[in-house]
Amino acid sequence: MKILLSPQVNPGKKITYQFTGEIITATFEGVTDVFDFSLMPDGEANQIETALSINPIINAVKENGSLSIELLNFIPEDATENEKFPVWMEV
C-alpha cells in the first residue's frame, strides 16, 4: 500500500495512523476508527464513512491490485520541509 500524508496547517491538532496490510487505524481527538481496504476492488473508493469528527481519507484508489491512499496530515506552522512537501511512501 502506498500512502501520501497530505499536509494541512492546523496547529495543535494531530491525527495518528497505524498500518497493517491494507488496514489503516486512525486516531483523532481520542477517537479511533479502522479503515479496511483489503476487500476493495479496483477503482476509487466513494463516500468513506468514519466515526471521527473529520474524515482523514482524502482519496483511495486501487489499480491492478495496488492500493494508493492520500491521508490528511495536520502540520504546525513551523513544519519541516519533509512535512510540507511529502512524498509517496510504501507501508
PDB file of N, CA and C in Angstrom:
ATOM      1  N   MET A   1       0.855  -1.172   0.000  1.00  0.00           N
ATOM      2  CA  MET A   1       0.000   0.000   0.000  1.00  0.00           C
ATOM      3  C   MET A   1       0.896   1.228   0.000  1.00  0.00           C
ATOM      4  N   LYS A   2       0.554   2.187  -0.864  1.00  0.00           N
ATOM      5  CA  LYS A   2       1.284   3.448  -0.916  1.00  0.00           C
ATOM      6  C   LYS A   2       0.445   4.516  -0.216  1.00  0.00           C
ATOM      7  N   ILE A   3       1.133   5.343   0.560  1.00  0.00           N
ATOM      8  CA  ILE A   3       0.478   6.374   1.373  1.00  0.00           C
ATOM      9  C   ILE A   3       1.115   7.730   1.080  1.00  0.00           C
ATOM     10  N   LEU A   4       0.265   8.750   0.988  1.00  0.00           N
ATOM     11  CA  LEU A   4       0.738  10.132   0.922  1.00  0.00           C
ATOM     12  C   LEU A   4       0.084  10.883   2.071  1.00  0.00           C
ATOM     13  N   LEU A   5       0.906  11.451   2.946  1.00  0.00           N
ATOM     14  CA  LEU A   5       0.396  12.249   4.066  1.00  0.00           C
ATOM     15  C   LEU A   5       0.244  13.683   3.590  1.00  0.00           C
ATOM     16  N   SER A   6      -0.967  14.051   3.206  1.00  0.00           N
ATOM     17  CA  SER A   6      -1.254  15.349   2.617  1.00  0.00           C
ATOM     18  C   SER A   6      -1.333  16.423   3.710  1.00  0.00           C
ATOM     19  N   PRO A   7      -0.424  17.410   3.669  1.00  0.00           N
ATOM     20  CA  PRO A   7      -0.340  18.389   4.754  1.00  0.00           C
ATOM     21  C   PRO A   7      -1.447  19.441   4.745  1.00  0.00           C
ATOM     22  N   GLN A   8      -1.882  19.772   5.950  1.00  0.00           N
ATOM     23  CA  GLN A   8      -2.800  20.889   6.164  1.00  0.00           C
ATOM     24  C   GLN A   8      -2.366  21.558   7.461  1.00  0.00           C
ATOM     25  N   VAL A   9      -2.081  22.846   7.404  1.00  0.00           N
ATOM     26  CA  VAL A   9      -1.662  23.567   8.609  1.00  0.00           C
ATOM     27  C   VAL A   9      -2.846  23.663   9.560  1.00  0.00           C
ATOM     28  N   ASN A  10      -2.657  23.132  10.751  1.00  0.00           N
ATOM     29  CA  ASN A  10      -3.683  23.158  11.797  1.00  0.00           C
ATOM     30  C   ASN A  10      -2.979  22.962  13.131  1.00  0.00           C
ATOM     31  N   PRO A  11      -2.393  24.040  13.671  1.00  0.00           N
ATOM     32  CA  PRO A  11      -1.622  23.943  14.906  1.00  0.00           C
ATOM     33  C   PRO A  11      -2.439  23.327  16.045  1.00  0.00           C
ATOM     34  N   GLY A  12      -1.799  22.436  16.773  1.00  0.00           N
ATOM     35  CA  GLY A  12      -2.431  21.833  17.943  1.00  0.00           C
ATOM     36  C   GLY A  12      -3.265  20.601  17.646  1.00  0.00           C
ATOM     37  N   LYS A  13      -3.516  20.313  16.384  1.00  0.00           N
ATOM     38  CA  LYS A  13      -4.299  19.128  16.016  1.00  0.00           C
ATOM     39  C   LYS A  13      -3.346  18.059  15.498  1.00  0.00           C
ATOM     40  N   LYS A  14      -3.685  16.790  15.745  1.00  0.00           N
ATOM     41  CA  LYS A  14      -2.836  15.695  15.283  1.00  0.00           C
ATOM     42  C   LYS A  14      -3.686  14.465  15.016  1.00  0.00           C
ATOM     43  N   ILE A  15      -3.407  13.831  13.899  1.00  0.00           N
ATOM     44  CA  ILE A  15      -4.001  12.548  13.563  1.00  0.00           C
ATOM     45  C   ILE A  15      -2.868  11.540  13.556  1.00  0.00           C
ATOM     46  N   THR A  16      -3.052  10.411  14.228  1.00  0.00           N
ATOM     47  CA  THR A  16      -2.044   9.365  14.183  1.00  0.00           C
ATOM     48  C   THR A  16      -2.590   8.185  13.382  1.00  0.00           C
ATOM     49  N   TYR A  17      -1.679   7.499  12.706  1.00  0.00           N
ATOM     50  CA  TYR A  17      -2.054   6.373  11.861  1.00  0.00           C
ATOM     51  C   TYR A  17      -1.214   5.154  12.207  1.00  0.00           C
ATOM     52  N   GLN A  18      -1.853   3.990  12.097  1.00  0.00           N
ATOM     53  CA  GLN A  18      -1.157   2.704  12.183  1.00  0.00           C
ATOM     54  C   GLN A  18      -1.572   1.918  10.948  1.00  0.00           C
ATOM     55  N   PHE A  19      -0.627   1.167  10.377  1.00  0.00           N
ATOM     56  CA  PHE A  19      -0.881   0.429   9.147  1.00  0.00           C
ATOM     57  C   PHE A  19      -0.612  -1.048   9.357  1.00  0.00           C
ATOM     58  N   THR A  20      -1.560  -1.882   8.945  1.00  0.00           N
ATOM     59  CA  THR A  20      -1.413  -3.327   8.978  1.00  0.00           C
ATOM     60  C   THR A  20      -1.971  -3.866   7.669  1.00  0.00           C
ATOM     61  N   GLY A  21      -1.086  -4.261   6.769  1.00  0.00           N
ATOM     62  CA  GLY A  21      -1.548  -4.691   5.454  1.00  0.00           C
ATOM     63  C   GLY A  21      -2.288  -3.546   4.781  1.00  0.00           C
ATOM     64  N   GLU A  22      -3.539  -3.784   4.385  1.00  0.00           N
ATOM     65  CA  GLU A  22      -4.357  -2.742   3.764  1.00  0.00           C
ATOM     66  C   GLU A  22      -5.397  -2.195   4.738  1.00  0.00           C
ATOM     67  N   ILE A  23      -5.053  -2.225   6.020  1.00  0.00           N
ATOM     68  CA  ILE A  23      -5.924  -1.700   7.075  1.00  0.00           C
ATOM     69  C   ILE A  23      -5.234  -0.501   7.708  1.00  0.00           C
ATOM     70  N   ILE A  24      -5.975   0.599   7.824  1.00  0.00           N
ATOM     71  CA  ILE A  24      -5.458   1.820   8.441  1.00  0.00           C
ATOM     72  C   ILE A  24      -6.267   2.095   9.699  1.00  0.00           C
ATOM     73  N   THR A  25      -5.568   2.304  10.807  1.00  0.00           N
ATOM     74  CA  THR A  25      -6.209   2.716  12.049  1.00  0.00           C
ATOM     75  C   THR A  25      -5.835   4.170  12.279  1.00  0.00           C
ATOM     76  N   ALA A  26      -6.843   5.040  12.370  1.00  0.00           N
ATOM     77  CA  ALA A  26      -6.623   6.471  12.557  1.00  0.00           C
ATOM     78  C   ALA A  26      -7.197   6.901  13.897  1.00  0.00           C
ATOM     79  N   THR A  27      -6.458   7.758  14.598  1.00  0.00           N
ATOM     80  CA  THR A  27      -6.919   8.294  15.877  1.00  0.00           C
ATOM     81  C   THR A  27      -6.843   9.813  15.830  1.00  0.00           C
ATOM     82  N   PHE A  28      -7.965  10.443  16.208  1.00  0.00           N
ATOM     83  CA  PHE A  28      -8.045  11.901  16.227  1.00  0.00           C
ATOM     84  C   PHE A  28      -8.892  12.310  17.419  1.00  0.00           C
ATOM     85  N   GLU A  29      -8.335  13.192  18.255  1.00  0.00           N
ATOM     86  CA  GLU A  29      -9.017  13.708  19.439  1.00  0.00           C
ATOM     87  C   GLU A  29      -9.582  12.589  20.316  1.00  0.00           C
ATOM     88  N   GLY A  30      -8.772  11.545  20.504  1.00  0.00           N
ATOM     89  CA  GLY A  30      -9.146  10.447  21.400  1.00  0.00           C
ATOM     90  C   GLY A  30     -10.101   9.424  20.822  1.00  0.00           C
ATOM     91  N   VAL A  31     -10.517   9.603  19.577  1.00  0.00           N
ATOM     92  CA  VAL A  31     -11.430   8.666  18.921  1.00  0.00           C
ATOM     93  C   VAL A  31     -10.648   7.909  17.856  1.00  0.00           C
ATOM     94  N   THR A  32     -10.847   6.595  17.798  1.00  0.00           N
ATOM     95  CA  THR A  32     -10.154   5.739  16.842  1.00  0.00           C
ATOM     96  C   THR A  32     -11.151   5.118  15.876  1.00  0.00           C
ATOM     97  N   ASP A  33     -10.753   5.022  14.609  1.00  0.00           N
ATOM     98  CA  ASP A  33     -11.571   4.356  13.600  1.00  0.00           C
ATOM     99  C   ASP A  33     -10.645   3.497  12.747  1.00  0.00           C
ATOM    100  N   VAL A  34     -11.187   2.406  12.234  1.00  0.00           N
ATOM    101  CA  VAL A  34     -10.426   1.470  11.415  1.00  0.00           C
ATOM    102  C   VAL A  34     -11.004   1.475  10.005  1.00  0.00           C
ATOM    103  N   PHE A  35     -10.117   1.601   9.022  1.00  0.00           N
ATOM    104  CA  PHE A  35     -10.495   1.609   7.617  1.00  0.00           C
ATOM    105  C   PHE A  35      -9.857   0.396   6.944  1.00  0.00           C
ATOM    106  N   ASP A  36     -10.681  -0.548   6.532  1.00  0.00           N
ATOM    107  CA  ASP A  36     -10.197  -1.800   5.950  1.00  0.00           C
ATOM    108  C   ASP A  36     -10.398  -1.757   4.433  1.00  0.00           C
ATOM    109  N   PHE A  37      -9.291  -1.668   3.702  1.00  0.00           N
ATOM    110  CA  PHE A  37      -9.334  -1.621   2.248  1.00  0.00           C
ATOM    111  C   PHE A  37      -8.960  -2.965   1.615  1.00  0.00           C
ATOM    112  N   SER A  38      -8.833  -4.004   2.435  1.00  0.00           N
ATOM    113  CA  SER A  38      -8.351  -5.292   1.934  1.00  0.00           C
ATOM    114  C   SER A  38      -9.296  -5.942   0.925  1.00  0.00           C
ATOM    115  N   LEU A  39     -10.583  -5.676   1.008  1.00  0.00           N
ATOM    116  CA  LEU A  39     -11.536  -6.262   0.069  1.00  0.00           C
ATOM    117  C   LEU A  39     -11.975  -5.291  -1.015  1.00  0.00           C
ATOM    118  N   MET A  40     -11.351  -4.132  -1.051  1.00  0.00           N
ATOM    119  CA  MET A  40     -11.718  -3.119  -2.041  1.00  0.00           C
ATOM    120  C   MET A  40     -11.337  -3.583  -3.441  1.00  0.00           C
ATOM    121  N   PRO A  41     -12.285  -3.544  -4.392  1.00  0.00           N
ATOM    122  CA  PRO A  41     -11.944  -3.894  -5.780  1.00  0.00           C
ATOM    123  C   PRO A  41     -11.191  -2.747  -6.448  1.00  0.00           C
ATOM    124  N   ASP A  42     -10.657  -3.001  -7.628  1.00  0.00           N
ATOM    125  CA  ASP A  42     -10.014  -1.931  -8.385  1.00  0.00           C
ATOM    126  C   ASP A  42     -11.014  -0.795  -8.603  1.00  0.00           C
ATOM    127  N   GLY A  43     -10.512   0.425  -8.541  1.00  0.00           N
ATOM    128  CA  GLY A  43     -11.345   1.612  -8.705  1.00  0.00           C
ATOM    129  C   GLY A  43     -11.107   2.581  -7.568  1.00  0.00           C
ATOM    130  N   GLU A  44     -11.952   3.591  -7.490  1.00  0.00           N
ATOM    131  CA  GLU A  44     -11.836   4.631  -6.463  1.00  0.00           C
ATOM    132  C   GLU A  44     -12.900   4.408  -5.395  1.00  0.00           C
ATOM    133  N   ALA A  45     -12.494   4.527  -4.126  1.00  0.00           N
ATOM    134  CA  ALA A  45     -13.444   4.390  -3.019  1.00  0.00           C
ATOM    135  C   ALA A  45     -14.321   5.632  -2.965  1.00  0.00           C
ATOM    136  N   ASN A  46     -15.609   5.427  -2.764  1.00  0.00           N
ATOM    137  CA  ASN A  46     -16.557   6.536  -2.690  1.00  0.00           C
ATOM    138  C   ASN A  46     -17.194   6.595  -1.311  1.00  0.00           C
ATOM    139  N   GLN A  47     -17.392   7.796  -0.809  1.00  0.00           N
ATOM    140  CA  GLN A  47     -18.111   8.041   0.436  1.00  0.00           C
ATOM    141  C   GLN A  47     -17.650   7.130   1.572  1.00  0.00           C
ATOM    142  N   ILE A  48     -16.422   7.308   1.980  1.00  0.00           N
ATOM    143  CA  ILE A  48     -15.875   6.545   3.095  1.00  0.00           C
ATOM    144  C   ILE A  48     -16.421   7.137   4.385  1.00  0.00           C
ATOM    145  N   GLU A  49     -17.100   6.320   5.164  1.00  0.00           N
ATOM    146  CA  GLU A  49     -17.698   6.778   6.414  1.00  0.00           C
ATOM    147  C   GLU A  49     -16.695   6.624   7.550  1.00  0.00           C
ATOM    148  N   THR A  50     -16.856   7.479   8.572  1.00  0.00           N
ATOM    149  CA  THR A  50     -15.952   7.438   9.710  1.00  0.00           C
ATOM    150  C   THR A  50     -16.656   7.865  10.985  1.00  0.00           C
ATOM    151  N   ALA A  51     -16.139   7.375  12.109  1.00  0.00           N
ATOM    152  CA  ALA A  51     -16.624   7.778  13.426  1.00  0.00           C
ATOM    153  C   ALA A  51     -15.889   9.023  13.918  1.00  0.00           C
ATOM    154  N   LEU A  52     -14.839   9.417  13.196  1.00  0.00           N
ATOM    155  CA  LEU A  52     -14.061  10.592  13.592  1.00  0.00           C
ATOM    156  C   LEU A  52     -14.812  11.867  13.218  1.00  0.00           C
ATOM    157  N   SER A  53     -14.465  12.973  13.860  1.00  0.00           N
ATOM    158  CA  SER A  53     -15.132  14.243  13.570  1.00  0.00           C
ATOM    159  C   SER A  53     -14.706  14.826  12.220  1.00  0.00           C
ATOM    160  N   ILE A  54     -13.600  14.349  11.687  1.00  0.00           N
ATOM    161  CA  ILE A  54     -13.146  14.707  10.339  1.00  0.00           C
ATOM    162  C   ILE A  54     -12.827  13.402   9.617  1.00  0.00           C
ATOM    163  N   ASN A  55     -12.902  13.426   8.296  1.00  0.00           N
ATOM    164  CA  ASN A  55     -12.556  12.219   7.556  1.00  0.00           C
ATOM    165  C   ASN A  55     -11.100  12.319   7.114  1.00  0.00           C
ATOM    166  N   PRO A  56     -10.239  11.432   7.623  1.00  0.00           N
ATOM    167  CA  PRO A  56      -8.824  11.522   7.281  1.00  0.00           C
ATOM    168  C   PRO A  56      -8.473  10.945   5.909  1.00  0.00           C
ATOM    169  N   ILE A  57      -9.415  10.244   5.279  1.00  0.00           N
ATOM    170  CA  ILE A  57      -9.156   9.635   3.973  1.00  0.00           C
ATOM    171  C   ILE A  57      -9.530  10.646   2.890  1.00  0.00           C
ATOM    172  N   ILE A  58      -8.541  11.215   2.232  1.00  0.00           N
ATOM    173  CA  ILE A  58      -8.786  12.182   1.170  1.00  0.00           C
ATOM    174  C   ILE A  58      -9.139  11.459  -0.127  1.00  0.00           C
ATOM    175  N   ASN A  59      -8.389  10.390  -0.410  1.00  0.00           N
ATOM    176  CA  ASN A  59      -8.618   9.645  -1.641  1.00  0.00           C
ATOM    177  C   ASN A  59      -8.062   8.239  -1.472  1.00  0.00           C
ATOM    178  N   ALA A  60      -8.753   7.268  -2.035  1.00  0.00           N
ATOM    179  CA  ALA A  60      -8.289   5.877  -2.025  1.00  0.00           C
ATOM    180  C   ALA A  60      -8.574   5.265  -3.383  1.00  0.00           C
ATOM    181  N   VAL A  61      -7.522   4.750  -4.016  1.00  0.00           N
ATOM    182  CA  VAL A  61      -7.642   4.167  -5.349  1.00  0.00           C
ATOM    183  C   VAL A  61      -6.876   2.851  -5.385  1.00  0.00           C
ATOM    184  N   LYS A  62      -7.508   1.843  -5.968  1.00  0.00           N
ATOM    185  CA  LYS A  62      -6.816   0.582  -6.202  1.00  0.00           C
ATOM    186  C   LYS A  62      -6.778   0.351  -7.702  1.00  0.00           C
ATOM    187  N   GLU A  63      -5.559   0.143  -8.219  1.00  0.00           N
ATOM    188  CA  GLU A  63      -5.367  -0.054  -9.650  1.00  0.00           C
ATOM    189  C   GLU A  63      -4.483  -1.276  -9.857  1.00  0.00           C
ATOM    190  N   ASN A  64      -5.000  -2.250 -10.585  1.00  0.00           N
ATOM    191  CA  ASN A  64      -4.290  -3.514 -10.808  1.00  0.00           C
ATOM    192  C   ASN A  64      -3.876  -4.143  -9.477  1.00  0.00           C
ATOM    193  N   GLY A  65      -4.745  -4.030  -8.466  1.00  0.00           N
ATOM    194  CA  GLY A  65      -4.491  -4.620  -7.157  1.00  0.00           C
ATOM    195  C   GLY A  65      -3.581  -3.810  -6.260  1.00  0.00           C
ATOM    196  N   SER A  66      -3.052  -2.685  -6.755  1.00  0.00           N
ATOM    197  CA  SER A  66      -2.148  -1.836  -5.980  1.00  0.00           C
ATOM    198  C   SER A  66      -2.935  -0.674  -5.363  1.00  0.00           C
ATOM    199  N   LEU A  67      -2.888  -0.556  -4.040  1.00  0.00           N
ATOM    200  CA  LEU A  67      -3.662   0.436  -3.308  1.00  0.00           C
ATOM    201  C   LEU A  67      -2.842   1.689  -3.031  1.00  0.00           C
ATOM    202  N   SER A  68      -3.409   2.858  -3.336  1.00  0.00           N
ATOM    203  CA  SER A  68      -2.787   4.155  -3.044  1.00  0.00           C
ATOM    204  C   SER A  68      -3.796   4.996  -2.280  1.00  0.00           C
ATOM    205  N   ILE A  69      -3.363   5.519  -1.126  1.00  0.00           N
ATOM    206  CA  ILE A  69      -4.267   6.284  -0.274  1.00  0.00           C
ATOM    207  C   ILE A  69      -3.615   7.599   0.129  1.00  0.00           C
ATOM    208  N   GLU A  70      -4.384   8.677  -0.039  1.00  0.00           N
ATOM    209  CA  GLU A  70      -3.955  10.002   0.405  1.00  0.00           C
ATOM    210  C   GLU A  70      -4.654  10.289   1.726  1.00  0.00           C
ATOM    211  N   LEU A  71      -3.849  10.574   2.761  1.00  0.00           N
ATOM    212  CA  LEU A  71      -4.364  10.794   4.112  1.00  0.00           C
ATOM    213  C   LEU A  71      -4.126  12.228   4.560  1.00  0.00           C
ATOM    214  N   LEU A  72      -5.068  12.760   5.306  1.00  0.00           N
ATOM    215  CA  LEU A  72      -4.932  14.081   5.901  1.00  0.00           C
ATOM    216  C   LEU A  72      -3.838  14.052   6.961  1.00  0.00           C
ATOM    217  N   ASN A  73      -2.980  15.051   6.945  1.00  0.00           N
ATOM    218  CA  ASN A  73      -1.909  15.151   7.935  1.00  0.00           C
ATOM    219  C   ASN A  73      -1.816  16.594   8.422  1.00  0.00           C
ATOM    220  N   PHE A  74      -2.261  16.829   9.653  1.00  0.00           N
ATOM    221  CA  PHE A  74      -2.161  18.165  10.234  1.00  0.00           C
ATOM    222  C   PHE A  74      -0.714  18.455  10.579  1.00  0.00           C
ATOM    223  N   ILE A  75      -0.250  19.641  10.177  1.00  0.00           N
ATOM    224  CA  ILE A  75       1.125  20.049  10.461  1.00  0.00           C
ATOM    225  C   ILE A  75       1.114  21.415  11.146  1.00  0.00           C
ATOM    226  N   PRO A  76       2.170  21.707  11.931  1.00  0.00           N
ATOM    227  CA  PRO A  76       2.262  23.028  12.557  1.00  0.00           C
ATOM    228  C   PRO A  76       2.744  24.071  11.553  1.00  0.00           C
ATOM    229  N   GLU A  77       2.609  25.328  11.909  1.00  0.00           N
ATOM    230  CA  GLU A  77       3.060  26.411  11.026  1.00  0.00           C
ATOM    231  C   GLU A  77       4.561  26.338  10.753  1.00  0.00           C
ATOM    232  N   ASP A  78       5.328  25.831  11.715  1.00  0.00           N
ATOM    233  CA  ASP A  78       6.783  25.727  11.543  1.00  0.00           C
ATOM    234  C   ASP A  78       7.199  24.309  11.130  1.00  0.00           C
ATOM    235  N   ALA A  79       6.384  23.658  10.330  1.00  0.00           N
ATOM    236  CA  ALA A  79       6.644  22.288   9.895  1.00  0.00           C
ATOM    237  C   ALA A  79       7.953  22.190   9.115  1.00  0.00           C
ATOM    238  N   THR A  80       8.510  20.991   9.118  1.00  0.00           N
ATOM    239  CA  THR A  80       9.737  20.744   8.369  1.00  0.00           C
ATOM    240  C   THR A  80       9.423  20.685   6.876  1.00  0.00           C
ATOM    241  N   GLU A  81      10.454  20.774   6.059  1.00  0.00           N
ATOM    242  CA  GLU A  81      10.275  20.674   4.605  1.00  0.00           C
ATOM    243  C   GLU A  81       9.654  19.326   4.234  1.00  0.00           C
ATOM    244  N   ASN A  82      10.065  18.252   4.916  1.00  0.00           N
ATOM    245  CA  ASN A  82       9.505  16.928   4.639  1.00  0.00           C
ATOM    246  C   ASN A  82       8.010  16.867   4.958  1.00  0.00           C
ATOM    247  N   GLU A  83       7.581  17.564   5.997  1.00  0.00           N
ATOM    248  CA  GLU A  83       6.160  17.599   6.344  1.00  0.00           C
ATOM    249  C   GLU A  83       5.372  18.443   5.338  1.00  0.00           C
ATOM    250  N   LYS A  84       5.970  19.533   4.900  1.00  0.00           N
ATOM    251  CA  LYS A  84       5.295  20.435   3.954  1.00  0.00           C
ATOM    252  C   LYS A  84       5.191  19.836   2.552  1.00  0.00           C
ATOM    253  N   PHE A  85       6.200  19.067   2.164  1.00  0.00           N
ATOM    254  CA  PHE A  85       6.274  18.520   0.810  1.00  0.00           C
ATOM    255  C   PHE A  85       6.504  17.019   0.871  1.00  0.00           C
ATOM    256  N   PRO A  86       5.487  16.257   1.268  1.00  0.00           N
ATOM    257  CA  PRO A  86       5.659  14.814   1.438  1.00  0.00           C
ATOM    258  C   PRO A  86       5.776  14.088   0.096  1.00  0.00           C
ATOM    259  N   VAL A  87       6.318  12.899   0.170  1.00  0.00           N
ATOM    260  CA  VAL A  87       6.398  12.017  -0.998  1.00  0.00           C
ATOM    261  C   VAL A  87       5.629  10.733  -0.666  1.00  0.00           C
ATOM    262  N   TRP A  88       5.206  10.038  -1.703  1.00  0.00           N
ATOM    263  CA  TRP A  88       4.514   8.767  -1.502  1.00  0.00           C
ATOM    264  C   TRP A  88       5.477   7.795  -0.829  1.00  0.00           C
ATOM    265  N   MET A  89       4.936   7.023   0.116  1.00  0.00           N
ATOM    266  CA  MET A  89       5.757   6.019   0.796  1.00  0.00           C
ATOM    267  C   MET A  89       5.031   4.671   0.802  1.00  0.00           C
ATOM    268  N   GLU A  90       5.799   3.633   0.766  1.00  0.00           N
ATOM    269  CA  GLU A  90       5.271   2.275   0.802  1.00  0.00           C
ATOM    270  C   GLU A  90       5.214   1.827   2.263  1.00  0.00           C
ATOM    271  N   VAL A  91       4.044   1.344   2.687  1.00  0.00           N
ATOM    272  CA  VAL A  91       3.910   0.838   4.057  1.00  0.00           C
ATOM    273  C   VAL A  91       3.430  -0.599   4.037  1.00  0.00           C
TER     274      VAL A  91
END
